[in-house]
């Protein structure tokens, strides 16, 4: 072959290499652009989701109140049998109808309202809890008879929506919950400085209610708290113990190896089973067979334990497998037993991953709804649960109930409850990251 042919082939090869490099770089740029586009789209959708939730739910953290001038009843406020106030202060108020005090205060503000129908419409501007609010304020103030007090009472849900701009007053009267006269009364109260938005403490201190302005999430929060305690107490030790046995103590001979692989496959399959299946299992075993109380956090915690257990086992096994084999060999070479090797050397090294997997599993349990619906935790519960066997609901179920309520004022409560739930999930995941970093630094 002549030198001219060799040079020609060399130039051809170089051109092919340059063309191949150009194609690969072009594909790399396209792939990078596609990745950036996908990331931007994901962030955009996430931003739209949070923006929509905040726009709908932020207003639920404030509640419209009306200022009333209430005159303390002539009767004494202190029970003569208990002058030092050892009894419940709510029971010390004299038997004066607080609703009558509220109505009298409203009539003073609107002296021209005289007809029975107009007085009923006027009373509907306030929440049904206005009388109790006045009663509690009078007892707390301990005012003398005949004293006039200025008390903020919650407004009705319709007035709250109107004050927040969620109710269009220009809509035809028959299509809105407030009449033209009621809207005029609200405008008068606002002009006199008697209408004000205040922090909605009832959202965090009350249980569920049929009235939107009185509905709160405290009952759901306590129910979720009790369930997570049961789930943590059962799933964490059992899951870690199962992972330790499968990784460190399970026989590896030819007879037991297929059985161990069968267990591993079933654990992996259980992690992918729909959560409602665990709810059916809990309904059949814990309620029908063991006769445990329906709608109780104890049963909910047991069901969520079954749901969380495969996640904790898989995460714990992965954390144990990540420990260097040299640690095992060094511990055994120095005379440590297998038990000492596992609990003194392996588990401390794997603990960050174990705790991270556990917290992530608990986060999943906190957001589950379907299995809790199957065991009856969808009931309307007003009282705050005081124990593991009291009827209760959970925060995701509360969100489901409010979202299914036709009352428009519950829409913002639903978004607010979702924000609270997302806040708890964010805190739990941040805790997992912080615990992992601190444990890794100590190790």
Protein backbone atom coordinates (compact mmCIF):
# COMPACT_ATOMS: atom_id res chain seq x y z
CA UNK A 1 0.00 0.00 0.00
CA UNK A 2 1.38 3.35 -1.01
CA UNK A 3 1.88 6.23 1.38
CA UNK A 4 -0.82 8.18 -0.45
CA UNK A 5 -3.38 5.42 0.28
CA UNK A 6 -2.33 5.27 3.93
CA UNK A 7 -2.73 9.02 4.29
CA UNK A 8 -6.10 8.87 2.61
CA UNK A 9 -7.30 6.12 4.98
CA UNK A 10 -5.92 8.03 7.95
CA UNK A 11 -7.82 11.17 6.94
CA UNK A 12 -10.97 9.12 6.41
CA UNK A 13 -10.63 7.52 9.86
CA UNK A 14 -10.08 10.91 11.49
CA UNK A 15 -13.18 12.28 9.77
CA UNK A 16 -15.23 9.32 11.00
CA UNK A 17 -13.94 9.78 14.55
CA UNK A 18 -14.73 13.52 14.47
CA UNK A 19 -18.19 12.81 13.08
CA UNK A 20 -18.78 10.18 15.76
CA UNK A 21 -17.63 12.57 18.47
CA UNK A 22 -19.91 15.28 17.09
CA UNK A 23 -22.89 12.90 17.13
CA UNK A 24 -22.16 11.75 20.68
CA UNK A 25 -21.76 15.33 21.92
CA UNK A 26 -24.96 16.33 20.17
CA UNK A 27 -26.81 13.44 21.80
CA UNK A 28 -25.32 14.37 25.15
CA UNK A 29 -26.51 17.95 24.76
CA UNK A 30 -29.97 16.76 23.77
CA UNK A 31 -30.10 14.38 26.73
CA UNK A 32 -28.96 17.14 29.09
CA UNK A 33 -31.56 19.52 27.67
CA UNK A 34 -34.26 16.84 28.07
CA UNK A 35 -33.19 16.31 31.68
CA UNK A 36 -33.28 20.04 32.42
CA UNK A 37 -36.67 20.31 30.74
CA UNK A 38 -38.06 17.42 32.78
CA UNK A 39 -36.68 18.92 35.99
CA UNK A 40 -38.13 22.32 35.17
CA UNK A 41 -41.53 20.76 34.34
CA UNK A 42 -41.52 18.84 37.61
CA UNK A 43 -40.65 21.95 39.62
CA UNK A 44 -43.29 23.94 37.75
CA UNK A 45 -46.03 21.40 38.51
CA UNK A 46 -44.87 21.19 42.13
CA UNK A 47 -44.93 24.98 42.37
CA UNK A 48 -48.42 25.12 40.90
CA UNK A 49 -49.56 22.47 43.39
CA UNK A 50 -48.20 24.33 46.41
CA UNK A 51 -49.38 27.69 45.09
CA UNK A 52 -52.91 26.34 44.66
CA UNK A 53 -52.91 24.81 48.15
CA UNK A 54 -51.57 27.97 49.79
CA UNK A 55 -53.98 30.20 47.87
CA UNK A 56 -56.95 28.09 48.97
CA UNK A 57 -55.84 27.13 52.47
CA UNK A 58 -54.02 30.18 53.84
CA UNK A 59 -57.30 31.95 54.58
CA UNK A 60 -58.41 29.10 56.86
CA UNK A 61 -55.79 30.09 59.42
CA UNK A 62 -57.74 33.29 60.12
CA UNK A 63 -61.39 33.57 61.11
CA UNK A 64 -63.74 36.53 60.97
CA UNK A 65 -64.96 37.74 64.37
CA UNK A 66 -67.59 40.28 65.39
CA UNK A 67 -67.17 42.66 68.33
CA UNK A 68 -70.15 42.73 70.71
CA UNK A 69 -70.75 44.89 73.77
CA UNK A 70 -72.16 42.52 76.36
CA UNK A 71 -73.45 43.59 79.74
CA UNK A 72 -72.60 41.26 82.61
CA UNK A 73 -75.75 39.72 84.09
CA UNK A 74 -77.00 41.09 87.37
CA UNK A 75 -76.71 37.67 88.97
CA UNK A 76 -73.40 36.82 90.66
CA UNK A 77 -70.75 35.06 88.60
CA UNK A 78 -69.09 33.26 91.53
CA UNK A 79 -70.74 30.26 93.10
CA UNK A 80 -71.24 30.97 96.82
CA UNK A 81 -70.62 27.31 97.56
CA UNK A 82 -67.16 27.56 95.98
CA UNK A 83 -65.98 31.14 96.55
CA UNK A 84 -62.30 30.38 95.95
CA UNK A 85 -62.93 28.98 92.49
CA UNK A 86 -61.99 25.34 92.94
CA UNK A 87 -64.76 24.07 90.68
CA UNK A 88 -64.86 24.21 86.92
CA UNK A 89 -65.17 27.91 85.97
CA UNK A 90 -67.57 27.13 83.14
CA UNK A 91 -70.03 25.77 85.71
CA UNK A 92 -69.85 28.89 87.91
CA UNK A 93 -71.73 31.19 85.55
CA UNK A 94 -75.22 31.91 86.71
CA UNK A 95 -77.96 30.23 84.67
CA UNK A 96 -78.37 33.16 82.28
CA UNK A 97 -78.91 32.27 78.63
CA UNK A 98 -75.73 33.45 76.84
CA UNK A 99 -77.54 33.36 73.50
CA UNK A 100 -79.98 35.92 74.89
CA UNK A 101 -77.05 38.16 75.78
CA UNK A 102 -75.76 37.86 72.22
CA UNK A 103 -79.17 38.69 70.77
CA UNK A 104 -79.52 41.71 73.06
CA UNK A 105 -76.11 42.98 71.95
CA UNK A 106 -77.05 42.60 68.30
CA UNK A 107 -80.31 44.48 68.81
CA UNK A 108 -78.39 47.34 70.40
CA UNK A 109 -76.20 47.54 67.30
CA UNK A 110 -79.22 47.38 64.94
CA UNK A 111 -82.12 49.08 66.75
CA UNK A 112 -84.13 49.39 63.51
CA UNK A 113 -84.36 45.62 63.15
CA UNK A 114 -87.69 44.82 64.77
CA UNK A 115 -89.45 42.12 62.76
CA UNK A 116 -89.06 38.50 63.78
CA UNK A 117 -87.77 37.42 60.36
CA UNK A 118 -85.12 40.16 60.30
CA UNK A 119 -83.98 39.26 63.80
CA UNK A 120 -83.50 35.67 62.69
CA UNK A 121 -81.47 36.82 59.70
CA UNK A 122 -79.44 39.06 62.01
CA UNK A 123 -78.72 36.17 64.39
CA UNK A 124 -77.47 34.06 61.46
CA UNK A 125 -74.54 36.45 61.02
CA UNK A 126 -72.91 34.90 64.08
CA UNK A 127 -71.71 31.37 64.69
CA UNK A 128 -73.79 29.04 66.83
CA UNK A 129 -70.83 29.07 69.23
CA UNK A 130 -71.19 32.83 69.85
CA UNK A 131 -73.15 32.27 73.06
CA UNK A 132 -70.54 29.90 74.47
CA UNK A 133 -67.79 32.35 73.54
CA UNK A 134 -69.59 35.08 75.49
CA UNK A 135 -70.07 32.75 78.44
CA UNK A 136 -66.42 31.77 78.59
CA UNK A 137 -65.34 35.41 78.27
CA UNK A 138 -67.59 36.51 81.12
CA UNK A 139 -66.34 33.78 83.42
CA UNK A 140 -62.70 34.45 82.52
CA UNK A 141 -63.10 38.19 83.10
CA UNK A 142 -64.83 37.71 86.45
CA UNK A 143 -66.50 41.08 85.99
CA UNK A 144 -68.92 42.51 88.50
CA UNK A 145 -72.61 42.59 87.76
CA UNK A 146 -73.67 45.32 85.35
CA UNK A 147 -70.23 45.72 83.77
CA UNK A 148 -70.12 46.07 79.98
CA UNK A 149 -67.47 44.02 78.21
CA UNK A 150 -66.35 44.09 74.57
CA UNK A 151 -66.12 40.48 73.39
CA UNK A 152 -65.04 39.11 70.01
CA UNK A 153 -67.27 36.24 68.90
CA UNK A 154 -66.86 34.09 65.77
CA UNK A 155 -68.93 35.02 62.76
CA UNK A 156 -70.89 32.53 60.70
CA UNK A 157 -69.17 30.72 57.86
CA UNK A 158 -71.08 32.70 55.24
CA UNK A 159 -69.96 36.02 56.76
CA UNK A 160 -66.42 34.68 56.95
CA UNK A 161 -66.50 33.79 53.25
CA UNK A 162 -67.88 37.23 52.40
CA UNK A 163 -65.19 38.94 54.45
CA UNK A 164 -62.45 36.91 52.74
CA UNK A 165 -63.75 37.66 49.24
CA UNK A 166 -64.89 34.09 48.62
CA UNK A 167 -68.54 35.12 48.21
CA UNK A 168 -69.57 37.39 45.37
CA UNK A 169 -72.20 39.88 46.61
CA UNK A 170 -73.11 40.80 43.03
CA UNK A 171 -74.56 37.37 42.32
CA UNK A 172 -78.33 37.11 42.21
CA UNK A 173 -79.73 36.96 45.74
CA UNK A 174 -81.41 33.59 45.39
CA UNK A 175 -78.10 32.01 44.36
CA UNK A 176 -76.06 33.05 47.43
CA UNK A 177 -76.42 32.18 51.14
CA UNK A 178 -76.58 35.81 52.32
CA UNK A 179 -79.42 38.18 51.49
CA UNK A 180 -78.93 41.80 50.46
CA UNK A 181 -80.01 42.93 53.92
CA UNK A 182 -77.46 40.68 55.62
CA UNK A 183 -74.71 41.94 53.32
CA UNK A 184 -75.66 45.50 54.24
CA UNK A 185 -75.48 44.61 57.95
CA UNK A 186 -72.03 43.08 57.45
CA UNK A 187 -70.88 46.23 55.64
CA UNK A 188 -72.17 48.31 58.57
CA UNK A 189 -70.26 46.17 61.08
CA UNK A 190 -67.13 46.49 58.99
CA UNK A 191 -67.53 50.26 58.72
CA UNK A 192 -67.88 50.54 62.51
CA UNK A 193 -64.70 48.51 63.08
CA UNK A 194 -66.63 45.58 64.57
CA UNK A 195 -65.53 43.06 61.95
CA UNK A 196 -62.00 41.71 62.15
CA UNK A 197 -59.98 38.70 60.99
CA UNK A 198 -58.21 36.97 63.86
CA UNK A 199 -56.05 33.85 64.14
CA UNK A 200 -58.25 30.78 63.85
CA UNK A 201 -57.23 28.93 67.00
CA UNK A 202 -60.31 26.71 66.67
CA UNK A 203 -58.66 24.99 63.72
CA UNK A 204 -56.06 23.51 66.08
CA UNK A 205 -58.07 23.21 69.31
CA UNK A 206 -61.45 21.87 68.16
CA UNK A 207 -62.53 18.52 66.85
CA UNK A 208 -64.66 17.98 63.79
CA UNK A 209 -67.96 19.86 63.47
CA UNK A 210 -70.85 20.28 61.08
CA UNK A 211 -70.27 24.03 61.23
CA UNK A 212 -67.21 25.08 59.17
CA UNK A 213 -66.23 27.95 61.48
CA UNK A 214 -66.03 25.49 64.42
CA UNK A 215 -64.37 22.57 62.64
CA UNK A 216 -60.83 21.75 63.74
CA UNK A 217 -58.15 19.12 63.28
CA UNK A 218 -57.15 18.46 66.87
CA UNK A 219 -59.10 15.20 67.04
CA UNK A 220 -57.51 14.00 63.81
CA UNK A 221 -54.04 15.03 65.00
CA UNK A 222 -54.44 13.13 68.27
CA UNK A 223 -55.76 10.09 66.43
CA UNK A 224 -52.76 10.14 64.06
CA UNK A 225 -50.43 10.60 67.04
CA UNK A 226 -51.78 7.55 68.88
CA UNK A 227 -51.68 5.46 65.71
CA UNK A 228 -48.08 6.39 64.98
CA UNK A 229 -47.11 5.47 68.55
CA UNK A 230 -48.62 2.01 68.11
CA UNK A 231 -47.04 1.65 64.68
CA UNK A 232 -43.60 2.68 65.93
CA UNK A 233 -43.77 0.42 68.98
CA UNK A 234 -44.60 -2.63 66.85
CA UNK A 235 -43.07 -2.15 63.42
CA UNK A 236 -39.63 -0.84 64.43
CA UNK A 237 -38.43 -3.65 66.77
CA UNK A 238 -40.06 -6.42 64.74
CA UNK A 239 -38.75 -5.05 61.44
CA UNK A 240 -35.19 -4.56 62.66
CA UNK A 241 -35.16 -7.97 64.35
CA UNK A 242 -36.39 -9.64 61.14
CA UNK A 243 -33.75 -7.84 59.07
CA UNK A 244 -30.97 -8.84 61.48
CA UNK A 245 -32.06 -12.47 61.43
CA UNK A 246 -32.33 -12.67 57.65
CA UNK A 247 -28.93 -11.06 57.13
CA UNK A 248 -26.86 -12.45 59.97
CA UNK A 249 -28.45 -15.58 61.47
CA UNK A 250 -30.52 -17.24 58.74
CA UNK A 251 -28.93 -20.53 57.57
CA UNK A 252 -27.30 -20.46 54.15
CA UNK A 253 -27.16 -24.20 53.38
CA UNK A 254 -28.72 -25.88 50.39
CA UNK A 255 -31.88 -26.86 52.26
CA UNK A 256 -32.73 -23.56 53.91
CA UNK A 257 -31.59 -21.23 51.12
CA UNK A 258 -34.79 -21.70 49.02
CA UNK A 259 -36.91 -21.01 52.11
CA UNK A 260 -34.93 -17.81 52.80
CA UNK A 261 -35.35 -16.68 49.19
CA UNK A 262 -39.10 -17.36 49.45
CA UNK A 263 -39.28 -15.13 52.53
CA UNK A 264 -37.35 -12.37 50.74
CA UNK A 265 -39.66 -12.51 47.72
CA UNK A 266 -42.74 -12.34 49.95
CA UNK A 267 -41.37 -9.35 51.88
CA UNK A 268 -40.65 -7.53 48.62
CA UNK A 269 -44.13 -8.36 47.36
CA UNK A 270 -45.74 -7.15 50.58
CA UNK A 271 -44.03 -3.79 50.16
CA UNK A 272 -45.86 -3.40 46.83
CA UNK A 273 -49.29 -4.64 47.94
CA UNK A 274 -52.01 -1.96 47.75
CA UNK A 275 -52.70 -0.48 51.15
CA UNK A 276 -56.41 -1.26 51.02
CA UNK A 277 -55.55 -4.96 51.20
CA UNK A 278 -54.03 -4.38 54.63
CA UNK A 279 -57.24 -2.60 55.59
CA UNK A 280 -59.27 -5.68 54.62
CA UNK A 281 -56.87 -7.84 56.63
CA UNK A 282 -57.24 -5.57 59.66
CA UNK A 283 -61.04 -5.62 59.33
CA UNK A 284 -61.11 -9.43 59.20
CA UNK A 285 -58.51 -10.16 61.89
CA UNK A 286 -58.48 -7.30 64.40
CA UNK A 287 -62.17 -6.30 64.33
CA UNK A 288 -64.14 -9.39 63.29
CA UNK A 289 -61.93 -12.07 64.86
CA UNK A 290 -60.25 -10.36 67.84
CA UNK A 291 -63.25 -8.05 68.45
CA UNK A 292 -61.12 -4.94 68.96
CA UNK A 293 -63.03 -1.61 69.01
CA UNK A 294 -63.84 -0.13 65.64
CA UNK A 295 -62.47 3.31 64.77
CA UNK A 296 -59.85 3.04 67.55
CA UNK A 297 -56.24 4.24 67.10
CA UNK A 298 -55.11 0.86 68.43
CA UNK A 299 -56.60 -0.96 65.44
CA UNK A 300 -55.36 1.73 63.07
CA UNK A 301 -51.85 1.42 64.49
CA UNK A 302 -51.92 -2.37 64.08
CA UNK A 303 -52.99 -2.06 60.44
CA UNK A 304 -50.36 0.59 59.72
CA UNK A 305 -47.77 -1.64 61.41
CA UNK A 306 -48.49 -4.38 58.87
CA UNK A 307 -48.21 -1.79 56.12
CA UNK A 308 -44.92 -0.33 57.39
CA UNK A 309 -43.21 -3.57 58.38
CA UNK A 310 -41.98 -4.61 54.88
CA UNK A 311 -40.56 -1.11 54.25
CA UNK A 312 -38.60 -1.18 57.52
CA UNK A 313 -37.31 -4.71 56.86
CA UNK A 314 -36.09 -3.86 53.36
CA UNK A 315 -34.44 -0.60 54.48
CA UNK A 316 -32.82 -2.28 57.49
CA UNK A 317 -31.47 -5.13 55.39
CA UNK A 318 -30.00 -2.69 52.90
CA UNK A 319 -28.36 -0.76 55.76
CA UNK A 320 -26.91 -3.95 57.26
CA UNK A 321 -25.62 -5.11 53.88
CA UNK A 322 -23.82 -1.78 53.41
CA UNK A 323 -21.61 -2.41 56.47
CA UNK A 324 -18.10 -3.41 55.41
CA UNK A 325 -17.37 -7.18 55.72
CA UNK A 326 -14.04 -6.32 57.34
CA UNK A 327 -15.89 -5.18 60.48
CA UNK A 328 -17.53 -8.58 60.79
CA UNK A 329 -14.27 -10.41 60.19
CA UNK A 330 -12.35 -8.24 62.64
CA UNK A 331 -14.95 -8.70 65.39
CA UNK A 332 -15.05 -12.47 64.95
CA UNK A 333 -11.24 -12.64 64.75
CA UNK A 334 -10.96 -10.91 68.13
CA UNK A 335 -13.19 -13.53 69.74
CA UNK A 336 -16.60 -11.83 69.67
CA UNK A 337 -19.66 -14.03 69.36
CA UNK A 338 -22.08 -13.54 66.51
CA UNK A 339 -24.49 -11.79 68.88
CA UNK A 340 -21.73 -9.42 70.06
CA UNK A 341 -20.60 -8.86 66.51
CA UNK A 342 -24.12 -7.89 65.40
CA UNK A 343 -25.21 -5.72 68.32
CA UNK A 344 -21.84 -4.12 69.16
CA UNK A 345 -20.44 -3.53 65.69
CA UNK A 346 -22.89 -4.12 62.82
CA UNK A 347 -26.03 -2.41 64.12
CA UNK A 348 -24.25 0.79 65.27
CA UNK A 349 -22.82 1.12 61.78
CA UNK A 350 -26.17 0.40 60.11
CA UNK A 351 -28.26 2.49 62.52
CA UNK A 352 -28.36 5.67 60.32
CA UNK A 353 -29.84 3.75 57.41
CA UNK A 354 -32.20 1.84 59.69
CA UNK A 355 -33.56 5.02 61.26
CA UNK A 356 -33.88 6.71 57.88
CA UNK A 357 -35.89 3.81 56.48
CA UNK A 358 -38.04 3.72 59.61
CA UNK A 359 -38.91 7.41 59.44
CA UNK A 360 -39.70 7.15 55.74
CA UNK A 361 -41.96 4.18 56.49
CA UNK A 362 -43.68 6.15 59.25
CA UNK A 363 -44.17 9.04 56.84
CA UNK A 364 -45.92 6.69 54.46
CA UNK A 365 -48.10 5.40 57.30
CA UNK A 366 -49.02 8.97 58.29
CA UNK A 367 -50.38 9.69 54.82
CA UNK A 368 -52.40 6.50 54.34
CA UNK A 369 -56.17 6.70 54.08
CA UNK A 370 -57.56 3.59 52.38
CA UNK A 371 -56.78 1.03 55.15
CA UNK A 372 -58.23 3.36 57.80
CA UNK A 373 -61.47 3.68 55.84
CA UNK A 374 -61.83 -0.09 55.90
CA UNK A 375 -61.64 -0.28 59.71
CA UNK A 376 -64.26 2.41 60.26
CA UNK A 377 -62.13 5.45 61.02
CA UNK A 378 -64.24 7.46 58.59
CA UNK A 379 -66.89 8.11 61.24
CA UNK A 380 -67.86 11.63 62.29
CA UNK A 381 -65.92 12.09 65.57
CA UNK A 382 -66.46 15.31 67.51
CA UNK A 383 -64.71 14.48 70.80
CA UNK A 384 -60.94 14.55 71.17
CA UNK A 385 -59.62 10.98 71.71
CA UNK A 386 -58.03 10.52 75.11
CA UNK A 387 -56.51 7.08 74.61
CA UNK A 388 -55.71 4.24 72.23
CA UNK A 389 -59.20 2.71 72.38
CA UNK A 390 -61.31 5.86 72.07
CA UNK A 391 -63.10 6.48 68.75
CA UNK A 392 -60.91 8.65 66.55
CA UNK A 393 -60.05 9.56 63.02
CA UNK A 394 -56.78 10.45 61.31
CA UNK A 395 -55.63 13.56 59.51
CA UNK A 396 -55.76 12.05 55.98
CA UNK A 397 -59.25 10.70 56.69
CA UNK A 398 -60.31 14.11 58.02
CA UNK A 399 -59.13 15.66 54.77
CA UNK A 400 -61.15 13.07 52.85
CA UNK A 401 -64.28 13.83 54.88
CA UNK A 402 -63.98 17.59 54.46
CA UNK A 403 -63.27 17.28 50.73
CA UNK A 404 -66.50 15.28 50.35
CA UNK A 405 -68.58 17.89 52.23
CA UNK A 406 -70.80 20.05 49.99
CA UNK A 407 -70.44 23.07 52.30
CA UNK A 408 -68.26 25.59 50.37
CA UNK A 409 -66.58 26.88 53.52
CA UNK A 410 -64.99 23.46 54.08
CA UNK A 411 -62.89 23.86 50.91
CA UNK A 412 -60.38 26.16 52.59
CA UNK A 413 -60.34 23.93 55.70
CA UNK A 414 -59.46 20.99 53.45
CA UNK A 415 -56.53 22.85 51.88
CA UNK A 416 -55.37 24.02 55.32
CA UNK A 417 -55.44 20.45 56.65
CA UNK A 418 -53.43 19.29 53.61
CA UNK A 419 -50.86 22.00 54.35
CA UNK A 420 -50.60 20.80 57.95
CA UNK A 421 -50.19 17.19 56.79
CA UNK A 422 -47.52 18.16 54.27
CA UNK A 423 -45.78 20.12 57.02
CA UNK A 424 -45.64 17.03 59.23
CA UNK A 425 -44.34 14.89 56.35
CA UNK A 426 -41.68 17.50 55.56
CA UNK A 427 -40.59 17.62 59.20
CA UNK A 428 -40.36 13.83 59.38
CA UNK A 429 -38.27 13.59 56.21
CA UNK A 430 -35.99 16.41 57.37
CA UNK A 431 -35.61 14.59 60.66
CA UNK A 432 -34.55 11.47 58.74
CA UNK A 433 -31.86 13.45 56.90
CA UNK A 434 -30.59 15.14 60.07
CA UNK A 435 -30.51 11.90 62.08
CA UNK A 436 -28.66 10.12 59.30
CA UNK A 437 -26.01 12.83 59.05
CA UNK A 438 -25.48 13.02 62.81
CA UNK A 439 -25.29 9.24 63.20
CA UNK A 440 -22.82 8.99 60.31
CA UNK A 441 -20.65 11.69 61.91
CA UNK A 442 -20.62 9.80 65.22
CA UNK A 443 -19.78 6.54 63.55
